[in-house]
Amino acid sequence: MKTEVKKQLNRSSVVLYPSPHEECIATNKQAFNNYITFFNPVNVKGAAIVEWLIKNNPHRYFMIILGWDKVNEITIDLKKYNRVLVVPSQENVAEIYSYSRLVLIPSQWEEAFGRVHIEAAMNKIPAIISARGGLKEHFCGNGVLVTDYSNPQAWQDALDYLDDPNNYQKAVTKTEEIRKQLSIKKEASKLLQVLK
């Protein structure tokens, strides 16, 4: 957007990010926190990729969080998979992250920002994300950036990569870079400077 404003209007601009508030941070991890979490199961967000992963990973635990419109475009019968938990949309996402080990963001469209990716980092949870739009802008090794994002096998490879405890721990450590970069306080401060 900053580039387009410069190109079309010949003006400099400041980008303000909709950083999550600290309320999204889980104060305690649950005893069972092995879920691979996916928000908003619609096709543009990658529902077909997650459906493929569920079918091909019956040994893994998945948590599917419905969006506010409660649409679920995953076509398989999720009741047949006893390790898949479908959760209605939640205002208190901290609780969701307290059960999560990984967050999947297999977006097939250009995400403008990718708030879930930032919330996961704030909770020290690695993310596997599409190399699309704003998602890749803040990626810093805090998981896996999937360039072949429409290929389910590429997502499987990313899951397998993060099964290695060393790779997983490196990704957890990298989440700190995002926590240092982005905060609602920093963005509010930038806004106040722009308004002066």
N, C-alpha and C. Protein backbone atom coordinates (compact mmCIF):
# COMPACT_ATOMS: atom_id res chain seq x y z
N MET A 1 0.82 -1.19 0.00
CA MET A 1 0.00 0.00 0.00
C MET A 1 0.87 1.26 0.00
N LYS A 2 1.92 1.19 0.79
CA LYS A 2 2.82 2.34 0.86
C LYS A 2 3.42 2.64 -0.51
N THR A 3 3.81 1.60 -1.22
CA THR A 3 4.38 1.75 -2.56
C THR A 3 3.34 2.31 -3.53
N GLU A 4 2.11 1.82 -3.45
CA GLU A 4 1.05 2.29 -4.34
C GLU A 4 0.70 3.76 -4.08
N VAL A 5 0.65 4.16 -2.82
CA VAL A 5 0.38 5.56 -2.49
C VAL A 5 1.47 6.45 -3.08
N LYS A 6 2.69 6.02 -2.96
CA LYS A 6 3.82 6.79 -3.51
C LYS A 6 3.71 6.87 -5.04
N LYS A 7 3.40 5.74 -5.65
CA LYS A 7 3.34 5.68 -7.11
C LYS A 7 2.17 6.50 -7.66
N GLN A 8 1.00 6.35 -7.06
CA GLN A 8 -0.20 6.98 -7.61
C GLN A 8 -0.39 8.43 -7.17
N LEU A 9 0.01 8.74 -5.94
CA LEU A 9 -0.22 10.09 -5.43
C LEU A 9 1.06 10.88 -5.19
N ASN A 10 2.19 10.20 -5.40
CA ASN A 10 3.50 10.81 -5.15
C ASN A 10 3.60 11.39 -3.73
N ARG A 11 3.09 10.63 -2.78
CA ARG A 11 3.14 11.05 -1.37
C ARG A 11 3.71 9.93 -0.52
N SER A 12 4.43 10.32 0.49
CA SER A 12 4.92 9.34 1.47
C SER A 12 3.79 9.02 2.43
N SER A 13 3.81 7.84 2.96
CA SER A 13 2.78 7.44 3.91
C SER A 13 3.40 6.61 5.03
N VAL A 14 2.64 6.45 6.06
CA VAL A 14 3.05 5.64 7.21
C VAL A 14 2.09 4.46 7.30
N VAL A 15 2.64 3.27 7.46
CA VAL A 15 1.82 2.07 7.59
C VAL A 15 1.61 1.80 9.08
N LEU A 16 0.36 1.69 9.47
CA LEU A 16 0.01 1.32 10.84
C LEU A 16 -0.59 -0.08 10.80
N TYR A 17 -0.06 -0.96 11.62
CA TYR A 17 -0.53 -2.35 11.63
C TYR A 17 -1.57 -2.56 12.72
N PRO A 18 -2.58 -3.38 12.43
CA PRO A 18 -3.61 -3.68 13.44
C PRO A 18 -3.10 -4.74 14.42
N SER A 19 -2.09 -4.37 15.16
CA SER A 19 -1.46 -5.32 16.09
C SER A 19 -2.45 -5.80 17.14
N PRO A 20 -2.37 -7.07 17.48
CA PRO A 20 -3.25 -7.59 18.52
C PRO A 20 -2.94 -6.99 19.88
N HIS A 21 -3.93 -6.96 20.71
CA HIS A 21 -3.77 -6.52 22.09
C HIS A 21 -3.22 -7.68 22.91
N GLU A 22 -2.57 -7.39 24.00
CA GLU A 22 -1.96 -8.43 24.84
C GLU A 22 -2.98 -9.40 25.42
N GLU A 23 -4.26 -9.09 25.34
CA GLU A 23 -5.29 -10.00 25.84
C GLU A 23 -5.31 -11.32 25.10
N CYS A 24 -4.68 -11.37 23.92
CA CYS A 24 -4.65 -12.62 23.15
C CYS A 24 -3.61 -13.60 23.70
N ILE A 25 -2.81 -13.17 24.65
CA ILE A 25 -1.74 -14.02 25.17
C ILE A 25 -2.27 -14.91 26.30
N ALA A 26 -2.07 -16.21 26.14
CA ALA A 26 -2.49 -17.16 27.17
C ALA A 26 -1.54 -17.06 28.36
N THR A 27 -2.10 -16.92 29.53
CA THR A 27 -1.25 -16.82 30.73
C THR A 27 -0.66 -18.17 31.12
N ASN A 28 -1.38 -19.24 30.82
CA ASN A 28 -0.90 -20.59 31.11
C ASN A 28 -1.19 -21.51 29.94
N LYS A 29 -0.24 -22.39 29.64
CA LYS A 29 -0.47 -23.43 28.64
C LYS A 29 -1.26 -24.56 29.30
N GLN A 30 -2.16 -25.16 28.55
CA GLN A 30 -2.91 -26.30 29.05
C GLN A 30 -1.98 -27.52 29.12
N ALA A 31 -2.34 -28.47 29.95
CA ALA A 31 -1.53 -29.69 30.05
C ALA A 31 -1.48 -30.39 28.69
N PHE A 32 -2.59 -30.37 27.96
CA PHE A 32 -2.61 -30.90 26.59
C PHE A 32 -2.61 -29.71 25.65
N ASN A 33 -1.49 -29.49 24.96
CA ASN A 33 -1.39 -28.34 24.05
C ASN A 33 -0.76 -28.77 22.72
N ASN A 34 -1.30 -29.84 22.17
CA ASN A 34 -0.76 -30.41 20.93
C ASN A 34 -1.59 -30.13 19.69
N TYR A 35 -2.53 -29.21 19.78
CA TYR A 35 -3.38 -28.95 18.62
C TYR A 35 -2.66 -28.14 17.55
N ILE A 36 -2.94 -28.52 16.31
CA ILE A 36 -2.56 -27.73 15.14
C ILE A 36 -3.81 -26.93 14.83
N THR A 37 -3.73 -25.63 14.98
CA THR A 37 -4.91 -24.77 14.97
C THR A 37 -5.06 -24.04 13.63
N PHE A 38 -6.30 -23.99 13.16
CA PHE A 38 -6.64 -23.33 11.90
C PHE A 38 -7.90 -22.51 12.10
N PHE A 39 -7.80 -21.22 11.81
CA PHE A 39 -8.93 -20.30 11.97
C PHE A 39 -9.67 -20.09 10.65
N ASN A 40 -11.00 -20.02 10.74
CA ASN A 40 -11.86 -19.61 9.64
C ASN A 40 -11.77 -20.58 8.45
N PRO A 41 -12.39 -21.75 8.54
CA PRO A 41 -12.24 -22.79 7.52
C PRO A 41 -13.03 -22.53 6.23
N VAL A 42 -12.57 -21.54 5.49
CA VAL A 42 -13.16 -21.24 4.18
C VAL A 42 -12.08 -21.43 3.12
N ASN A 43 -12.49 -21.59 1.89
CA ASN A 43 -11.55 -21.94 0.83
C ASN A 43 -10.45 -20.91 0.62
N VAL A 44 -10.78 -19.62 0.65
CA VAL A 44 -9.73 -18.62 0.44
C VAL A 44 -8.69 -18.63 1.56
N LYS A 45 -9.07 -19.13 2.73
CA LYS A 45 -8.14 -19.23 3.86
C LYS A 45 -7.39 -20.56 3.86
N GLY A 46 -7.72 -21.45 2.92
CA GLY A 46 -6.99 -22.71 2.81
C GLY A 46 -7.69 -23.92 3.37
N ALA A 47 -9.02 -23.91 3.41
CA ALA A 47 -9.77 -25.04 3.97
C ALA A 47 -9.43 -26.36 3.27
N ALA A 48 -9.23 -26.33 1.95
CA ALA A 48 -8.93 -27.56 1.22
C ALA A 48 -7.57 -28.14 1.63
N ILE A 49 -6.62 -27.28 1.90
CA ILE A 49 -5.30 -27.73 2.37
C ILE A 49 -5.44 -28.42 3.72
N VAL A 50 -6.17 -27.80 4.63
CA VAL A 50 -6.33 -28.36 5.98
C VAL A 50 -7.12 -29.67 5.91
N GLU A 51 -8.12 -29.72 5.04
CA GLU A 51 -8.88 -30.96 4.85
C GLU A 51 -7.94 -32.09 4.43
N TRP A 52 -7.06 -31.82 3.49
CA TRP A 52 -6.10 -32.83 3.03
C TRP A 52 -5.19 -33.26 4.18
N LEU A 53 -4.73 -32.30 4.97
CA LEU A 53 -3.85 -32.63 6.10
C LEU A 53 -4.56 -33.48 7.14
N ILE A 54 -5.81 -33.17 7.41
CA ILE A 54 -6.58 -33.97 8.37
C ILE A 54 -6.69 -35.41 7.88
N LYS A 55 -7.05 -35.58 6.61
CA LYS A 55 -7.22 -36.93 6.05
C LYS A 55 -5.91 -37.72 6.07
N ASN A 56 -4.80 -37.05 5.87
CA ASN A 56 -3.51 -37.73 5.76
C ASN A 56 -2.70 -37.76 7.05
N ASN A 57 -3.25 -37.24 8.12
CA ASN A 57 -2.55 -37.22 9.41
C ASN A 57 -3.50 -37.61 10.54
N PRO A 58 -4.03 -38.83 10.51
CA PRO A 58 -4.98 -39.22 11.56
C PRO A 58 -4.35 -39.28 12.95
N HIS A 59 -3.03 -39.28 13.02
CA HIS A 59 -2.32 -39.33 14.31
C HIS A 59 -2.16 -37.93 14.93
N ARG A 60 -2.47 -36.88 14.19
CA ARG A 60 -2.30 -35.51 14.69
C ARG A 60 -3.63 -34.95 15.20
N TYR A 61 -3.52 -33.97 16.09
CA TYR A 61 -4.68 -33.29 16.63
C TYR A 61 -4.85 -31.94 15.92
N PHE A 62 -6.06 -31.68 15.43
CA PHE A 62 -6.38 -30.42 14.76
C PHE A 62 -7.51 -29.71 15.50
N MET A 63 -7.40 -28.41 15.61
CA MET A 63 -8.47 -27.58 16.15
C MET A 63 -8.88 -26.60 15.05
N ILE A 64 -10.15 -26.65 14.67
CA ILE A 64 -10.70 -25.79 13.63
C ILE A 64 -11.57 -24.74 14.33
N ILE A 65 -11.21 -23.47 14.16
CA ILE A 65 -11.97 -22.39 14.78
C ILE A 65 -12.85 -21.75 13.71
N LEU A 66 -14.16 -21.81 13.90
CA LEU A 66 -15.07 -21.21 12.93
C LEU A 66 -14.96 -19.69 12.96
N GLY A 67 -15.19 -19.08 11.81
CA GLY A 67 -15.22 -17.62 11.73
C GLY A 67 -16.52 -17.09 12.31
N TRP A 68 -16.65 -15.78 12.35
CA TRP A 68 -17.84 -15.17 12.94
C TRP A 68 -19.10 -15.50 12.16
N ASP A 69 -18.98 -15.78 10.87
CA ASP A 69 -20.16 -16.14 10.07
C ASP A 69 -20.47 -17.63 10.16
N LYS A 70 -19.66 -18.39 10.89
CA LYS A 70 -19.84 -19.82 11.18
C LYS A 70 -19.82 -20.71 9.93
N VAL A 71 -19.24 -20.23 8.84
CA VAL A 71 -19.14 -21.01 7.61
C VAL A 71 -17.98 -22.00 7.75
N ASN A 72 -18.22 -23.23 7.33
CA ASN A 72 -17.19 -24.26 7.33
C ASN A 72 -17.19 -24.90 5.95
N GLU A 73 -16.17 -24.59 5.14
CA GLU A 73 -16.11 -25.12 3.78
C GLU A 73 -15.25 -26.38 3.68
N ILE A 74 -14.89 -26.96 4.82
CA ILE A 74 -14.24 -28.27 4.80
C ILE A 74 -15.32 -29.28 4.47
N THR A 75 -15.10 -30.09 3.45
CA THR A 75 -16.17 -30.96 2.94
C THR A 75 -16.20 -32.35 3.56
N ILE A 76 -15.13 -32.78 4.19
CA ILE A 76 -15.15 -34.12 4.81
C ILE A 76 -15.98 -34.07 6.10
N ASP A 77 -16.47 -35.22 6.50
CA ASP A 77 -17.25 -35.32 7.74
C ASP A 77 -16.27 -35.34 8.92
N LEU A 78 -16.11 -34.21 9.54
CA LEU A 78 -15.12 -34.08 10.62
C LEU A 78 -15.47 -34.93 11.84
N LYS A 79 -16.72 -35.35 11.97
CA LYS A 79 -17.11 -36.20 13.10
C LYS A 79 -16.45 -37.57 13.03
N LYS A 80 -15.99 -37.95 11.84
CA LYS A 80 -15.32 -39.25 11.67
C LYS A 80 -13.87 -39.21 12.16
N TYR A 81 -13.38 -38.03 12.48
CA TYR A 81 -11.99 -37.87 12.90
C TYR A 81 -11.98 -37.51 14.38
N ASN A 82 -11.63 -38.49 15.22
CA ASN A 82 -11.74 -38.26 16.67
C ASN A 82 -10.65 -37.34 17.23
N ARG A 83 -9.71 -36.92 16.40
CA ARG A 83 -8.67 -36.00 16.86
C ARG A 83 -8.85 -34.60 16.28
N VAL A 84 -10.04 -34.34 15.78
CA VAL A 84 -10.35 -33.01 15.24
C VAL A 84 -11.41 -32.37 16.13
N LEU A 85 -11.10 -31.19 16.59
CA LEU A 85 -12.01 -30.43 17.44
C LEU A 85 -12.46 -29.20 16.67
N VAL A 86 -13.78 -29.02 16.52
CA VAL A 86 -14.33 -27.84 15.86
C VAL A 86 -14.88 -26.94 16.95
N VAL A 87 -14.42 -25.69 16.94
CA VAL A 87 -14.75 -24.73 18.00
C VAL A 87 -15.46 -23.53 17.38
N PRO A 88 -16.53 -23.04 18.00
CA PRO A 88 -17.15 -21.82 17.48
C PRO A 88 -16.21 -20.63 17.64
N SER A 89 -16.50 -19.56 16.92
CA SER A 89 -15.66 -18.36 17.02
C SER A 89 -15.60 -17.91 18.48
N GLN A 90 -14.46 -17.38 18.86
CA GLN A 90 -14.21 -17.03 20.26
C GLN A 90 -13.67 -15.60 20.37
N GLU A 91 -14.18 -14.87 21.32
CA GLU A 91 -13.57 -13.57 21.60
C GLU A 91 -12.28 -13.75 22.38
N ASN A 92 -12.25 -14.74 23.26
CA ASN A 92 -11.06 -15.01 24.07
C ASN A 92 -10.15 -16.00 23.34
N VAL A 93 -9.33 -15.48 22.40
CA VAL A 93 -8.46 -16.37 21.65
C VAL A 93 -7.29 -16.87 22.48
N ALA A 94 -7.02 -16.24 23.61
CA ALA A 94 -5.94 -16.70 24.48
C ALA A 94 -6.15 -18.16 24.87
N GLU A 95 -7.38 -18.52 25.15
CA GLU A 95 -7.66 -19.91 25.53
C GLU A 95 -7.36 -20.86 24.38
N ILE A 96 -7.68 -20.46 23.16
CA ILE A 96 -7.37 -21.29 21.99
C ILE A 96 -5.87 -21.53 21.90
N TYR A 97 -5.10 -20.46 22.05
CA TYR A 97 -3.65 -20.59 21.95
C TYR A 97 -3.07 -21.42 23.10
N SER A 98 -3.76 -21.47 24.22
CA SER A 98 -3.25 -22.27 25.35
C SER A 98 -3.29 -23.76 25.04
N TYR A 99 -4.07 -24.17 24.05
CA TYR A 99 -4.16 -25.57 23.64
C TYR A 99 -3.36 -25.86 22.37
N SER A 100 -2.72 -24.84 21.80
CA SER A 100 -2.12 -24.95 20.47
C SER A 100 -0.62 -25.17 20.50
N ARG A 101 -0.15 -26.01 19.59
CA ARG A 101 1.28 -26.24 19.37
C ARG A 101 1.76 -25.51 18.13
N LEU A 102 0.91 -25.49 17.11
CA LEU A 102 1.21 -24.85 15.83
C LEU A 102 -0.03 -24.14 15.33
N VAL A 103 0.17 -23.13 14.50
CA VAL A 103 -0.94 -22.47 13.82
C VAL A 103 -0.71 -22.59 12.32
N LEU A 104 -1.76 -23.01 11.61
CA LEU A 104 -1.71 -23.12 10.15
C LEU A 104 -2.41 -21.90 9.55
N ILE A 105 -1.75 -21.27 8.57
CA ILE A 105 -2.37 -20.15 7.84
C ILE A 105 -2.10 -20.38 6.35
N PRO A 106 -2.86 -21.32 5.76
CA PRO A 106 -2.62 -21.68 4.36
C PRO A 106 -3.41 -20.82 3.38
N SER A 107 -3.43 -19.53 3.59
CA SER A 107 -4.23 -18.62 2.76
C SER A 107 -3.89 -18.77 1.29
N GLN A 108 -4.94 -18.77 0.48
CA GLN A 108 -4.79 -18.87 -0.96
C GLN A 108 -5.00 -17.51 -1.62
N TRP A 109 -5.31 -16.51 -0.84
CA TRP A 109 -5.47 -15.16 -1.36
C TRP A 109 -4.47 -14.24 -0.69
N GLU A 110 -4.40 -13.01 -1.15
CA GLU A 110 -3.45 -12.04 -0.60
C GLU A 110 -3.96 -11.51 0.73
N GLU A 111 -3.45 -12.05 1.81
CA GLU A 111 -3.79 -11.52 3.13
C GLU A 111 -3.17 -10.14 3.28
N ALA A 112 -3.94 -9.20 3.77
CA ALA A 112 -3.40 -7.85 3.94
C ALA A 112 -2.41 -7.80 5.10
N PHE A 113 -2.67 -8.52 6.16
CA PHE A 113 -1.80 -8.46 7.33
C PHE A 113 -1.55 -9.83 7.93
N GLY A 114 -2.57 -10.54 8.31
CA GLY A 114 -2.40 -11.85 8.92
C GLY A 114 -2.26 -11.78 10.43
N ARG A 115 -3.29 -11.29 11.08
CA ARG A 115 -3.29 -11.08 12.54
C ARG A 115 -3.02 -12.38 13.32
N VAL A 116 -3.55 -13.50 12.85
CA VAL A 116 -3.39 -14.77 13.55
C VAL A 116 -1.91 -15.13 13.66
N HIS A 117 -1.17 -14.86 12.62
CA HIS A 117 0.28 -15.11 12.61
C HIS A 117 0.96 -14.34 13.75
N ILE A 118 0.54 -13.10 13.97
CA ILE A 118 1.13 -12.25 15.01
C ILE A 118 0.67 -12.73 16.39
N GLU A 119 -0.62 -13.07 16.51
CA GLU A 119 -1.12 -13.60 17.79
C GLU A 119 -0.37 -14.87 18.18
N ALA A 120 -0.14 -15.74 17.21
CA ALA A 120 0.61 -16.97 17.49
C ALA A 120 2.00 -16.63 18.02
N ALA A 121 2.68 -15.69 17.36
CA ALA A 121 4.02 -15.29 17.81
C ALA A 121 3.98 -14.71 19.22
N MET A 122 2.95 -13.94 19.52
CA MET A 122 2.82 -13.37 20.86
C MET A 122 2.68 -14.47 21.91
N ASN A 123 2.18 -15.63 21.48
CA ASN A 123 2.02 -16.78 22.37
C ASN A 123 3.17 -17.77 22.25
N LYS A 124 4.25 -17.38 21.55
CA LYS A 124 5.43 -18.22 21.35
C LYS A 124 5.08 -19.53 20.64
N ILE A 125 4.16 -19.43 19.68
CA ILE A 125 3.73 -20.59 18.91
C ILE A 125 4.18 -20.40 17.46
N PRO A 126 4.91 -21.36 16.91
CA PRO A 126 5.29 -21.27 15.50
C PRO A 126 4.06 -21.33 14.58
N ALA A 127 4.22 -20.74 13.41
CA ALA A 127 3.15 -20.75 12.42
C ALA A 127 3.70 -21.29 11.10
N ILE A 128 2.84 -21.96 10.38
CA ILE A 128 3.15 -22.38 9.01
C ILE A 128 2.24 -21.53 8.14
N ILE A 129 2.87 -20.68 7.30
CA ILE A 129 2.09 -19.67 6.59
C ILE A 129 2.37 -19.68 5.09
N SER A 130 1.38 -19.23 4.33
CA SER A 130 1.54 -19.04 2.88
C SER A 130 2.43 -17.83 2.62
N ALA A 131 3.24 -17.95 1.60
CA ALA A 131 4.08 -16.81 1.18
C ALA A 131 3.22 -15.88 0.32
N ARG A 132 2.23 -15.27 0.95
CA ARG A 132 1.25 -14.42 0.26
C ARG A 132 1.10 -13.11 1.02
N GLY A 133 1.03 -12.02 0.29
CA GLY A 133 0.68 -10.72 0.85
C GLY A 133 1.42 -10.37 2.12
N GLY A 134 0.68 -9.82 3.06
CA GLY A 134 1.24 -9.36 4.32
C GLY A 134 1.73 -10.47 5.23
N LEU A 135 1.30 -11.69 4.98
CA LEU A 135 1.77 -12.80 5.81
C LEU A 135 3.29 -12.92 5.75
N LYS A 136 3.83 -12.89 4.55
CA LYS A 136 5.28 -13.09 4.40
C LYS A 136 6.08 -11.87 4.87
N GLU A 137 5.42 -10.72 4.95
CA GLU A 137 6.11 -9.49 5.33
C GLU A 137 6.70 -9.56 6.74
N HIS A 138 6.02 -10.24 7.64
CA HIS A 138 6.50 -10.31 9.03
C HIS A 138 7.09 -11.66 9.40
N PHE A 139 7.21 -12.55 8.43
CA PHE A 139 7.81 -13.85 8.71
C PHE A 139 9.30 -13.66 8.97
N CYS A 140 9.81 -14.29 10.01
CA CYS A 140 11.23 -14.14 10.37
C CYS A 140 11.84 -15.46 10.81
N GLY A 141 11.32 -16.56 10.28
CA GLY A 141 11.82 -17.86 10.71
C GLY A 141 11.03 -18.43 11.86
N ASN A 142 9.89 -17.81 12.17
CA ASN A 142 9.07 -18.24 13.30
C ASN A 142 8.13 -19.39 12.92
N GLY A 143 8.63 -20.30 12.13
CA GLY A 143 7.85 -21.43 11.65
C GLY A 143 8.35 -21.79 10.26
N VAL A 144 7.40 -21.97 9.34
CA VAL A 144 7.75 -22.30 7.96
C VAL A 144 6.93 -21.40 7.04
N LEU A 145 7.61 -20.81 6.07
CA LEU A 145 6.97 -20.02 5.01
C LEU A 145 6.84 -20.93 3.79
N VAL A 146 5.61 -21.22 3.39
CA VAL A 146 5.35 -22.16 2.31
C VAL A 146 5.18 -21.40 0.99
N THR A 147 6.16 -21.55 0.11
CA THR A 147 6.10 -20.85 -1.18
C THR A 147 5.18 -21.57 -2.17
N ASP A 148 5.14 -22.88 -2.13
CA ASP A 148 4.26 -23.66 -3.00
C ASP A 148 2.95 -23.88 -2.25
N TYR A 149 2.29 -22.77 -1.89
CA TYR A 149 1.19 -22.79 -0.92
C TYR A 149 -0.09 -23.49 -1.38
N SER A 150 -0.25 -23.78 -2.70
CA SER A 150 -1.44 -24.53 -3.10
C SER A 150 -1.21 -26.03 -3.17
N ASN A 151 0.00 -26.44 -2.84
CA ASN A 151 0.37 -27.86 -2.87
C ASN A 151 0.28 -28.45 -1.46
N PRO A 152 -0.69 -29.34 -1.21
CA PRO A 152 -0.83 -29.91 0.14
C PRO A 152 0.44 -30.59 0.64
N GLN A 153 1.20 -31.21 -0.25
CA GLN A 153 2.42 -31.90 0.18
C GLN A 153 3.43 -30.91 0.77
N ALA A 154 3.46 -29.69 0.27
CA ALA A 154 4.37 -28.68 0.82
C ALA A 154 4.00 -28.37 2.28
N TRP A 155 2.72 -28.41 2.58
CA TRP A 155 2.26 -28.19 3.97
C TRP A 155 2.60 -29.39 4.84
N GLN A 156 2.47 -30.58 4.27
CA GLN A 156 2.87 -31.78 4.99
C GLN A 156 4.35 -31.74 5.33
N ASP A 157 5.17 -31.33 4.35
CA ASP A 157 6.61 -31.23 4.58
C ASP A 157 6.91 -30.24 5.70
N ALA A 158 6.15 -29.15 5.75
CA ALA A 158 6.36 -28.15 6.82
C ALA A 158 6.00 -28.72 8.18
N LEU A 159 4.89 -29.46 8.26
CA LEU A 159 4.52 -30.12 9.52
C LEU A 159 5.60 -31.09 9.96
N ASP A 160 6.08 -31.89 9.02
CA ASP A 160 7.11 -32.87 9.33
C ASP A 160 8.40 -32.18 9.80
N TYR A 161 8.75 -31.08 9.16
CA TYR A 161 9.94 -30.32 9.53
C TYR A 161 9.86 -29.84 10.98
N LEU A 162 8.69 -29.36 11.38
CA LEU A 162 8.53 -28.86 12.75
C LEU A 162 8.31 -29.96 13.77
N ASP A 163 8.22 -31.22 13.31
CA ASP A 163 8.21 -32.34 14.26
C ASP A 163 9.57 -32.51 14.92
N ASP A 164 10.61 -32.07 14.24
CA ASP A 164 11.96 -32.14 14.82
C ASP A 164 12.04 -31.13 15.96
N PRO A 165 12.32 -31.57 17.19
CA PRO A 165 12.34 -30.66 18.33
C PRO A 165 13.30 -29.48 18.16
N ASN A 166 14.42 -29.69 17.49
CA ASN A 166 15.36 -28.58 17.27
C ASN A 166 14.77 -27.52 16.34
N ASN A 167 14.15 -27.95 15.26
CA ASN A 167 13.52 -27.01 14.33
C ASN A 167 12.38 -26.26 15.00
N TYR A 168 11.61 -27.01 15.80
CA TYR A 168 10.48 -26.39 16.50
C TYR A 168 10.98 -25.32 17.47
N GLN A 169 12.01 -25.65 18.24
CA GLN A 169 12.52 -24.70 19.24
C GLN A 169 13.13 -23.46 18.58
N LYS A 170 13.81 -23.64 17.44
CA LYS A 170 14.33 -22.48 16.71
C LYS A 170 13.19 -21.55 16.30
N ALA A 171 12.09 -22.12 15.83
CA ALA A 171 10.94 -21.33 15.42
C ALA A 171 10.32 -20.60 16.61
N VAL A 172 10.23 -21.28 17.74
CA VAL A 172 9.70 -20.63 18.96
C VAL A 172 10.58 -19.45 19.32
N THR A 173 11.89 -19.64 19.29
CA THR A 173 12.83 -18.55 19.63
C THR A 173 12.64 -17.37 18.69
N LYS A 174 12.41 -17.63 17.41
CA LYS A 174 12.25 -16.56 16.42
C LYS A 174 10.97 -15.74 16.62
N THR A 175 9.98 -16.29 17.32
CA THR A 175 8.75 -15.52 17.56
C THR A 175 9.05 -14.24 18.33
N GLU A 176 10.15 -14.24 19.07
CA GLU A 176 10.51 -13.04 19.85
C GLU A 176 10.74 -11.83 18.94
N GLU A 177 11.26 -12.07 17.74
CA GLU A 177 11.50 -10.95 16.81
C GLU A 177 10.20 -10.25 16.47
N ILE A 178 9.14 -11.00 16.26
CA ILE A 178 7.84 -10.40 15.96
C ILE A 178 7.31 -9.66 17.18
N ARG A 179 7.48 -10.26 18.35
CA ARG A 179 7.00 -9.60 19.57
C ARG A 179 7.72 -8.27 19.79
N LYS A 180 8.98 -8.20 19.40
CA LYS A 180 9.73 -6.94 19.54
C LYS A 180 9.30 -5.91 18.50
N GLN A 181 9.00 -6.37 17.29
CA GLN A 181 8.62 -5.48 16.18
C GLN A 181 7.26 -4.85 16.36
N LEU A 182 6.28 -5.67 16.72
CA LEU A 182 4.89 -5.24 16.68
C LEU A 182 4.23 -5.27 18.05
N SER A 183 3.58 -4.18 18.38
CA SER A 183 2.75 -4.14 19.58
C SER A 183 1.73 -3.04 19.37
N ILE A 184 0.63 -3.15 20.05
CA ILE A 184 -0.41 -2.13 19.92
C ILE A 184 0.11 -0.79 20.44
N LYS A 185 0.98 -0.82 21.45
CA LYS A 185 1.53 0.42 21.99
C LYS A 185 2.41 1.12 20.95
N LYS A 186 3.25 0.36 20.25
CA LYS A 186 4.11 0.96 19.22
C LYS A 186 3.28 1.54 18.08
N GLU A 187 2.24 0.82 17.67
CA GLU A 187 1.41 1.30 16.56
C GLU A 187 0.63 2.54 16.99
N ALA A 188 0.15 2.56 18.23
CA ALA A 188 -0.57 3.75 18.73
C ALA A 188 0.37 4.95 18.78
N SER A 189 1.61 4.71 19.17
CA SER A 189 2.60 5.79 19.21
C SER A 189 2.85 6.35 17.81
N LYS A 190 2.96 5.45 16.81
CA LYS A 190 3.14 5.90 15.42
C LYS A 190 1.95 6.74 14.96
N LEU A 191 0.75 6.31 15.34
CA LEU A 191 -0.45 7.05 14.95
C LEU A 191 -0.44 8.45 15.55
N LEU A 192 -0.07 8.53 16.82
CA LEU A 192 -0.03 9.85 17.48
C LEU A 192 1.00 10.75 16.82
N GLN A 193 2.13 10.20 16.39
CA GLN A 193 3.14 11.00 15.69
C GLN A 193 2.61 11.51 14.35
N VAL A 194 1.86 10.69 13.64
CA VAL A 194 1.29 11.09 12.36
C VAL A 194 0.26 12.20 12.56
N LEU A 195 -0.51 12.10 13.62
CA LEU A 195 -1.57 13.09 13.87
C LEU A 195 -1.06 14.44 14.36
N LYS A 196 0.19 14.49 14.83
CA LYS A 196 0.73 15.76 15.35
C LYS A 196 1.01 16.74 14.24
